[in-house]
PDB file of N, CA and C in Angstrom:
ATOM      1  N   GLY A   1     -54.854  68.428-220.302  1.00  0.00           N
ATOM      2  CA  GLY A   1     -55.330  67.105-219.999  1.00  0.00           C
ATOM      3  C   GLY A   1     -56.832  67.080-219.842  1.00  0.00           C
ATOM      4  N   ILE A   2     -57.357  65.912-219.774  1.00  0.00           N
ATOM      5  CA  ILE A   2     -58.794  65.707-219.604  1.00  0.00           C
ATOM      6  C   ILE A   2     -59.092  65.565-218.117  1.00  0.00           C
ATOM      7  N   THR A   3     -60.105  66.269-217.647  1.00  0.00           N
ATOM      8  CA  THR A   3     -60.528  66.161-216.258  1.00  0.00           C
ATOM      9  C   THR A   3     -61.772  65.293-216.199  1.00  0.00           C
ATOM     10  N   GLU A   4     -61.690  64.192-215.492  1.00  0.00           N
ATOM     11  CA  GLU A   4     -62.817  63.265-215.343  1.00  0.00           C
ATOM     12  C   GLU A   4     -63.460  63.509-213.985  1.00  0.00           C
ATOM     13  N   THR A   5     -64.748  63.822-213.978  1.00  0.00           N
ATOM     14  CA  THR A   5     -65.423  64.116-212.721  1.00  0.00           C
ATOM     15  C   THR A   5     -66.503  63.101-212.382  1.00  0.00           C
ATOM     16  N   GLY A   6     -66.770  62.150-213.275  1.00  0.00           N
ATOM     17  CA  GLY A   6     -67.821  61.181-213.030  1.00  0.00           C
ATOM     18  C   GLY A   6     -67.368  60.053-212.125  1.00  0.00           C
ATOM     19  N   LYS A   7     -68.328  59.293-211.644  1.00  0.00           N
ATOM     20  CA  LYS A   7     -68.016  58.090-210.880  1.00  0.00           C
ATOM     21  C   LYS A   7     -69.028  57.022-211.249  1.00  0.00           C
ATOM     22  N   SER A   8     -68.626  55.778-211.082  1.00  0.00           N
ATOM     23  CA  SER A   8     -69.516  54.648-211.320  1.00  0.00           C
ATOM     24  C   SER A   8     -69.899  54.058-209.977  1.00  0.00           C
ATOM     25  N   ILE A   9     -71.191  53.828-209.802  1.00  0.00           N
ATOM     26  CA  ILE A   9     -71.708  53.228-208.570  1.00  0.00           C
ATOM     27  C   ILE A   9     -72.317  51.889-208.940  1.00  0.00           C
ATOM     28  N   ILE A  10     -71.905  50.861-208.243  1.00  0.00           N
ATOM     29  CA  ILE A  10     -72.457  49.526-208.451  1.00  0.00           C
ATOM     30  C   ILE A  10     -73.122  49.082-207.155  1.00  0.00           C
ATOM     31  N   GLY A  11     -74.340  48.618-207.250  1.00  0.00           N
ATOM     32  CA  GLY A  11     -75.059  48.105-206.087  1.00  0.00           C
ATOM     33  C   GLY A  11     -76.063  49.072-205.492  1.00  0.00           C
ATOM     34  N   ALA A  12     -76.093  50.316-205.988  1.00  0.00           N
ATOM     35  CA  ALA A  12     -77.047  51.307-205.494  1.00  0.00           C
ATOM     36  C   ALA A  12     -77.245  52.363-206.580  1.00  0.00           C
ATOM     37  N   THR A  13     -78.282  53.172-206.430  1.00  0.00           N
ATOM     38  CA  THR A  13     -78.527  54.220-207.420  1.00  0.00           C
ATOM     39  C   THR A  13     -77.746  55.490-207.103  1.00  0.00           C
ATOM     40  N   SER A  14     -77.293  55.640-205.858  1.00  0.00           N
ATOM     41  CA  SER A  14     -76.492  56.811-205.476  1.00  0.00           C
ATOM     42  C   SER A  14     -75.606  56.443-204.297  1.00  0.00           C
ATOM     43  N   SER A  15     -74.607  57.288-204.029  1.00  0.00           N
ATOM     44  CA  SER A  15     -73.705  57.055-202.905  1.00  0.00           C
ATOM     45  C   SER A  15     -73.071  58.372-202.498  1.00  0.00           C
ATOM     46  N   SER A  16     -72.849  58.550-201.202  1.00  0.00           N
ATOM     47  CA  SER A  16     -72.152  59.751-200.723  1.00  0.00           C
ATOM     48  C   SER A  16     -70.637  59.552-200.749  1.00  0.00           C
ATOM     49  N   ALA A  17     -70.179  58.317-200.997  1.00  0.00           N
ATOM     50  CA  ALA A  17     -68.740  58.047-201.060  1.00  0.00           C
ATOM     51  C   ALA A  17     -68.135  58.732-202.275  1.00  0.00           C
ATOM     52  N   ASP A  18     -66.955  59.331-202.104  1.00  0.00           N
ATOM     53  CA  ASP A  18     -66.287  60.037-203.188  1.00  0.00           C
ATOM     54  C   ASP A  18     -65.208  59.131-203.775  1.00  0.00           C
ATOM     55  N   GLY A  19     -65.479  58.534-204.907  1.00  0.00           N
ATOM     56  CA  GLY A  19     -64.517  57.664-205.561  1.00  0.00           C
ATOM     57  C   GLY A  19     -64.869  57.487-207.021  1.00  0.00           C
ATOM     58  N   VAL A  20     -63.923  57.021-207.790  1.00  0.00           N
ATOM     59  CA  VAL A  20     -64.150  56.777-209.206  1.00  0.00           C
ATOM     60  C   VAL A  20     -65.073  55.573-209.380  1.00  0.00           C
ATOM     61  N   LEU A  21     -64.831  54.532-208.580  1.00  0.00           N
ATOM     62  CA  LEU A  21     -65.679  53.341-208.574  1.00  0.00           C
ATOM     63  C   LEU A  21     -66.129  53.105-207.139  1.00  0.00           C
ATOM     64  N   VAL A  22     -67.430  53.123-206.917  1.00  0.00           N
ATOM     65  CA  VAL A  22     -67.988  52.954-205.578  1.00  0.00           C
ATOM     66  C   VAL A  22     -68.845  51.701-205.566  1.00  0.00           C
ATOM     67  N   LEU A  23     -68.560  50.786-204.653  1.00  0.00           N
ATOM     68  CA  LEU A  23     -69.348  49.562-204.494  1.00  0.00           C
ATOM     69  C   LEU A  23     -70.175  49.707-203.225  1.00  0.00           C
ATOM     70  N   GLU A  24     -71.481  49.571-203.354  1.00  0.00           N
ATOM     71  CA  GLU A  24     -72.394  49.736-202.216  1.00  0.00           C
ATOM     72  C   GLU A  24     -73.187  48.470-201.974  1.00  0.00           C
ATOM     73  N   SER A  25     -73.076  47.896-200.771  1.00  0.00           N
ATOM     74  CA  SER A  25     -73.908  46.758-200.387  1.00  0.00           C
ATOM     75  C   SER A  25     -73.766  46.507-198.893  1.00  0.00           C
ATOM     76  N   ASN A  26     -74.869  46.147-198.280  1.00  0.00           N
ATOM     77  CA  ASN A  26     -74.842  45.750-196.871  1.00  0.00           C
ATOM     78  C   ASN A  26     -74.752  44.244-196.718  1.00  0.00           C
ATOM     79  N   THR A  27     -74.871  43.512-197.835  1.00  0.00           N
ATOM     80  CA  THR A  27     -74.927  42.051-197.745  1.00  0.00           C
ATOM     81  C   THR A  27     -73.963  41.331-198.681  1.00  0.00           C
ATOM     82  N   LYS A  28     -73.207  42.079-199.498  1.00  0.00           N
ATOM     83  CA  LYS A  28     -72.299  41.448-200.452  1.00  0.00           C
ATOM     84  C   LYS A  28     -70.939  42.128-200.411  1.00  0.00           C
ATOM     85  N   ALA A  29     -69.917  41.440-200.935  1.00  0.00           N
ATOM     86  CA  ALA A  29     -68.560  41.991-200.935  1.00  0.00           C
ATOM     87  C   ALA A  29     -67.955  41.906-202.328  1.00  0.00           C
ATOM     88  N   MET A  30     -66.886  42.631-202.535  1.00  0.00           N
ATOM     89  CA  MET A  30     -66.166  42.608-203.802  1.00  0.00           C
ATOM     90  C   MET A  30     -65.387  41.293-203.915  1.00  0.00           C
ATOM     91  N   VAL A  31     -65.367  40.723-205.101  1.00  0.00           N
ATOM     92  CA  VAL A  31     -64.595  39.512-205.363  1.00  0.00           C
ATOM     93  C   VAL A  31     -63.524  39.873-206.392  1.00  0.00           C
ATOM     94  N   LEU A  32     -62.282  39.693-206.018  1.00  0.00           N
ATOM     95  CA  LEU A  32     -61.169  40.003-206.913  1.00  0.00           C
ATOM     96  C   LEU A  32     -60.965  38.895-207.936  1.00  0.00           C
ATOM     97  N   PRO A  33     -60.314  39.214-209.045  1.00  0.00           N
ATOM     98  CA  PRO A  33     -59.943  38.161-209.989  1.00  0.00           C
ATOM     99  C   PRO A  33     -59.051  37.138-209.278  1.00  0.00           C
ATOM    100  N   THR A  34     -59.222  35.871-209.617  1.00  0.00           N
ATOM    101  CA  THR A  34     -58.450  34.790-209.000  1.00  0.00           C
ATOM    102  C   THR A  34     -57.448  34.241-210.000  1.00  0.00           C
ATOM    103  N   VAL A  35     -56.197  34.098-209.568  1.00  0.00           N
ATOM    104  CA  VAL A  35     -55.145  33.515-210.393  1.00  0.00           C
ATOM    105  C   VAL A  35     -54.449  32.422-209.592  1.00  0.00           C
ATOM    106  N   THR A  36     -53.791  31.511-210.300  1.00  0.00           N
ATOM    107  CA  THR A  36     -53.006  30.493-209.598  1.00  0.00           C
ATOM    108  C   THR A  36     -51.577  30.962-209.372  1.00  0.00           C
ATOM    109  N   ASP A  37     -51.135  31.982-210.131  1.00  0.00           N
ATOM    110  CA  ASP A  37     -49.774  32.499-210.006  1.00  0.00           C
ATOM    111  C   ASP A  37     -49.719  33.890-210.624  1.00  0.00           C
ATOM    112  N   VAL A  38     -49.180  34.876-209.899  1.00  0.00           N
ATOM    113  CA  VAL A  38     -49.105  36.240-210.436  1.00  0.00           C
ATOM    114  C   VAL A  38     -48.201  36.310-211.664  1.00  0.00           C
ATOM    115  N   GLN A  39     -47.311  35.350-211.833  1.00  0.00           N
ATOM    116  CA  GLN A  39     -46.430  35.338-213.000  1.00  0.00           C
ATOM    117  C   GLN A  39     -47.208  35.107-214.299  1.00  0.00           C
ATOM    118  N   LEU A  40     -48.463  34.671-214.188  1.00  0.00           N
ATOM    119  CA  LEU A  40     -49.304  34.476-215.368  1.00  0.00           C
ATOM    120  C   LEU A  40     -49.857  35.800-215.904  1.00  0.00           C
ATOM    121  N   ILE A  41     -49.698  36.880-215.145  1.00  0.00           N
ATOM    122  CA  ILE A  41     -50.166  38.200-215.571  1.00  0.00           C
ATOM    123  C   ILE A  41     -49.023  38.846-216.350  1.00  0.00           C
ATOM    124  N   PRO A  42     -49.174  39.019-217.658  1.00  0.00           N
ATOM    125  CA  PRO A  42     -48.044  39.435-218.502  1.00  0.00           C
ATOM    126  C   PRO A  42     -47.515  40.849-218.251  1.00  0.00           C
ATOM    127  N   SER A  43     -48.365  41.814-218.007  1.00  0.00           N
ATOM    128  CA  SER A  43     -47.926  43.208-217.820  1.00  0.00           C
ATOM    129  C   SER A  43     -48.718  43.850-216.694  1.00  0.00           C
ATOM    130  N   PRO A  44     -48.408  43.515-215.431  1.00  0.00           N
ATOM    131  CA  PRO A  44     -49.182  44.074-214.324  1.00  0.00           C
ATOM    132  C   PRO A  44     -48.996  45.588-214.212  1.00  0.00           C
ATOM    133  N   SER A  45     -50.041  46.255-213.755  1.00  0.00           N
ATOM    134  CA  SER A  45     -50.019  47.704-213.536  1.00  0.00           C
ATOM    135  C   SER A  45     -49.932  47.987-212.047  1.00  0.00           C
ATOM    136  N   ALA A  46     -49.303  49.091-211.686  1.00  0.00           N
ATOM    137  CA  ALA A  46     -49.220  49.491-210.278  1.00  0.00           C
ATOM    138  C   ALA A  46     -50.623  49.624-209.702  1.00  0.00           C
ATOM    139  N   GLY A  47     -50.837  49.050-208.535  1.00  0.00           N
ATOM    140  CA  GLY A  47     -52.137  49.090-207.877  1.00  0.00           C
ATOM    141  C   GLY A  47     -53.005  47.882-208.165  1.00  0.00           C
ATOM    142  N   MET A  48     -52.553  47.007-209.050  1.00  0.00           N
ATOM    143  CA  MET A  48     -53.323  45.812-209.397  1.00  0.00           C
ATOM    144  C   MET A  48     -53.409  44.884-208.187  1.00  0.00           C
ATOM    145  N   MET A  49     -54.608  44.304-207.981  1.00  0.00           N
ATOM    146  CA  MET A  49     -54.817  43.356-206.891  1.00  0.00           C
ATOM    147  C   MET A  49     -55.476  42.105-207.438  1.00  0.00           C
ATOM    148  N   VAL A  50     -55.035  40.943-206.971  1.00  0.00           N
ATOM    149  CA  VAL A  50     -55.635  39.666-207.340  1.00  0.00           C
ATOM    150  C   VAL A  50     -55.641  38.768-206.114  1.00  0.00           C
ATOM    151  N   TYR A  51     -56.472  37.739-206.173  1.00  0.00           N
ATOM    152  CA  TYR A  51     -56.479  36.714-205.144  1.00  0.00           C
ATOM    153  C   TYR A  51     -55.759  35.499-205.715  1.00  0.00           C
ATOM    154  N   VAL A  52     -54.686  35.077-205.034  1.00  0.00           N
ATOM    155  CA  VAL A  52     -53.921  33.903-205.468  1.00  0.00           C
ATOM    156  C   VAL A  52     -54.532  32.682-204.796  1.00  0.00           C
ATOM    157  N   ASN A  53     -54.960  31.722-205.622  1.00  0.00           N
ATOM    158  CA  ASN A  53     -55.589  30.511-205.105  1.00  0.00           C
ATOM    159  C   ASN A  53     -54.930  29.303-205.742  1.00  0.00           C
ATOM    160  N   LYS A  54     -53.908  28.785-205.080  1.00  0.00           N
ATOM    161  CA  LYS A  54     -53.297  27.538-205.518  1.00  0.00           C
ATOM    162  C   LYS A  54     -53.059  26.684-204.296  1.00  0.00           C
ATOM    163  N   THR A  55     -52.885  25.413-204.475  1.00  0.00           N
ATOM    164  CA  THR A  55     -52.745  24.483-203.367  1.00  0.00           C
ATOM    165  C   THR A  55     -51.691  24.962-202.382  1.00  0.00           C
ATOM    166  N   GLY A  56     -52.090  25.126-201.138  1.00  0.00           N
ATOM    167  CA  GLY A  56     -51.180  25.542-200.080  1.00  0.00           C
ATOM    168  C   GLY A  56     -50.902  27.029-200.019  1.00  0.00           C
ATOM    169  N   VAL A  57     -51.374  27.791-200.996  1.00  0.00           N
ATOM    170  CA  VAL A  57     -51.128  29.235-201.029  1.00  0.00           C
ATOM    171  C   VAL A  57     -52.422  29.949-201.408  1.00  0.00           C
ATOM    172  N   LYS A  58     -53.035  30.580-200.436  1.00  0.00           N
ATOM    173  CA  LYS A  58     -54.235  31.369-200.689  1.00  0.00           C
ATOM    174  C   LYS A  58     -54.002  32.714-200.032  1.00  0.00           C
ATOM    175  N   ARG A  59     -53.863  33.773-200.875  1.00  0.00           N
ATOM    176  CA  ARG A  59     -53.559  35.090-200.333  1.00  0.00           C
ATOM    177  C   ARG A  59     -53.859  36.198-201.321  1.00  0.00           C
ATOM    178  N   LEU A  60     -53.913  37.411-200.801  1.00  0.00           N
ATOM    179  CA  LEU A  60     -54.102  38.607-201.605  1.00  0.00           C
ATOM    180  C   LEU A  60     -52.745  39.054-202.130  1.00  0.00           C
ATOM    181  N   ALA A  61     -52.678  39.458-203.395  1.00  0.00           N
ATOM    182  CA  ALA A  61     -51.443  39.964-203.981  1.00  0.00           C
ATOM    183  C   ALA A  61     -51.687  41.365-204.531  1.00  0.00           C
ATOM    184  N   VAL A  62     -50.754  42.282-204.247  1.00  0.00           N
ATOM    185  CA  VAL A  62     -50.847  43.664-204.704  1.00  0.00           C
ATOM    186  C   VAL A  62     -49.536  44.026-205.405  1.00  0.00           C
ATOM    187  N   PHE A  63     -49.651  44.633-206.605  1.00  0.00           N
ATOM    188  CA  PHE A  63     -48.468  45.011-207.378  1.00  0.00           C
ATOM    189  C   PHE A  63     -48.196  46.496-207.186  1.00  0.00           C
ATOM    190  N   ASN A  64     -46.969  46.869-206.804  1.00  0.00           N
ATOM    191  CA  ASN A  64     -46.648  48.277-206.536  1.00  0.00           C
ATOM    192  C   ASN A  64     -45.996  48.981-207.725  1.00  0.00           C
ATOM    193  N   GLY A  65     -45.944  48.329-208.857  1.00  0.00           N
ATOM    194  CA  GLY A  65     -45.305  48.906-210.027  1.00  0.00           C
ATOM    195  C   GLY A  65     -43.955  48.280-210.303  1.00  0.00           C
ATOM    196  N   THR A  66     -43.392  47.642-209.265  1.00  0.00           N
ATOM    197  CA  THR A  66     -42.093  46.982-209.381  1.00  0.00           C
ATOM    198  C   THR A  66     -42.160  45.526-208.957  1.00  0.00           C
ATOM    199  N   LYS A  67     -42.845  45.280-207.825  1.00  0.00           N
ATOM    200  CA  LYS A  67     -42.916  43.914-207.307  1.00  0.00           C
ATOM    201  C   LYS A  67     -44.278  43.640-206.687  1.00  0.00           C
ATOM    202  N   TRP A  68     -44.568  42.354-206.554  1.00  0.00           N
ATOM    203  CA  TRP A  68     -45.793  41.898-205.903  1.00  0.00           C
ATOM    204  C   TRP A  68     -45.559  41.772-204.407  1.00  0.00           C
ATOM    205  N   SER A  69     -46.546  42.179-203.597  1.00  0.00           N
ATOM    206  CA  SER A  69     -46.568  41.931-202.167  1.00  0.00           C
ATOM    207  C   SER A  69     -47.701  40.979-201.876  1.00  0.00           C
ATOM    208  N   PHE A  70     -47.505  40.082-200.948  1.00  0.00           N
ATOM    209  CA  PHE A  70     -48.501  39.053-200.645  1.00  0.00           C
ATOM    210  C   PHE A  70     -48.973  39.190-199.213  1.00  0.00           C
ATOM    211  N   TRP A  71     -50.292  39.217-199.037  1.00  0.00           N
ATOM    212  CA  TRP A  71     -50.909  39.348-197.710  1.00  0.00           C
ATOM    213  C   TRP A  71     -51.548  38.020-197.372  1.00  0.00           C
ATOM    214  N   LYS A  72     -50.968  37.327-196.429  1.00  0.00           N
ATOM    215  CA  LYS A  72     -51.490  36.014-196.026  1.00  0.00           C
ATOM    216  C   LYS A  72     -52.558  36.200-194.950  1.00  0.00           C
ATOM    217  N   PRO A  73     -53.718  35.572-195.125  1.00  0.00           N
ATOM    218  CA  PRO A  73     -54.793  35.703-194.121  1.00  0.00           C
ATOM    219  C   PRO A  73     -54.431  35.005-192.814  1.00  0.00           C
TER     220      PRO A  73
END
């Protein structure tokens, strides 16, 4: 197999955090893709996260490979 050792850093030129994708900021946050319904995602992958924004329902959704879980704020 292929061993990947690189990482991508967004928001800074370097980071001590160990991750494949590292987001660095003291003043900004990550914004997830927004959907009105997770059923609109044709082939979700395990670990996928989206923000559901439809009237009366605003929450984080996470796909575990089999089903979606919803985290209500």
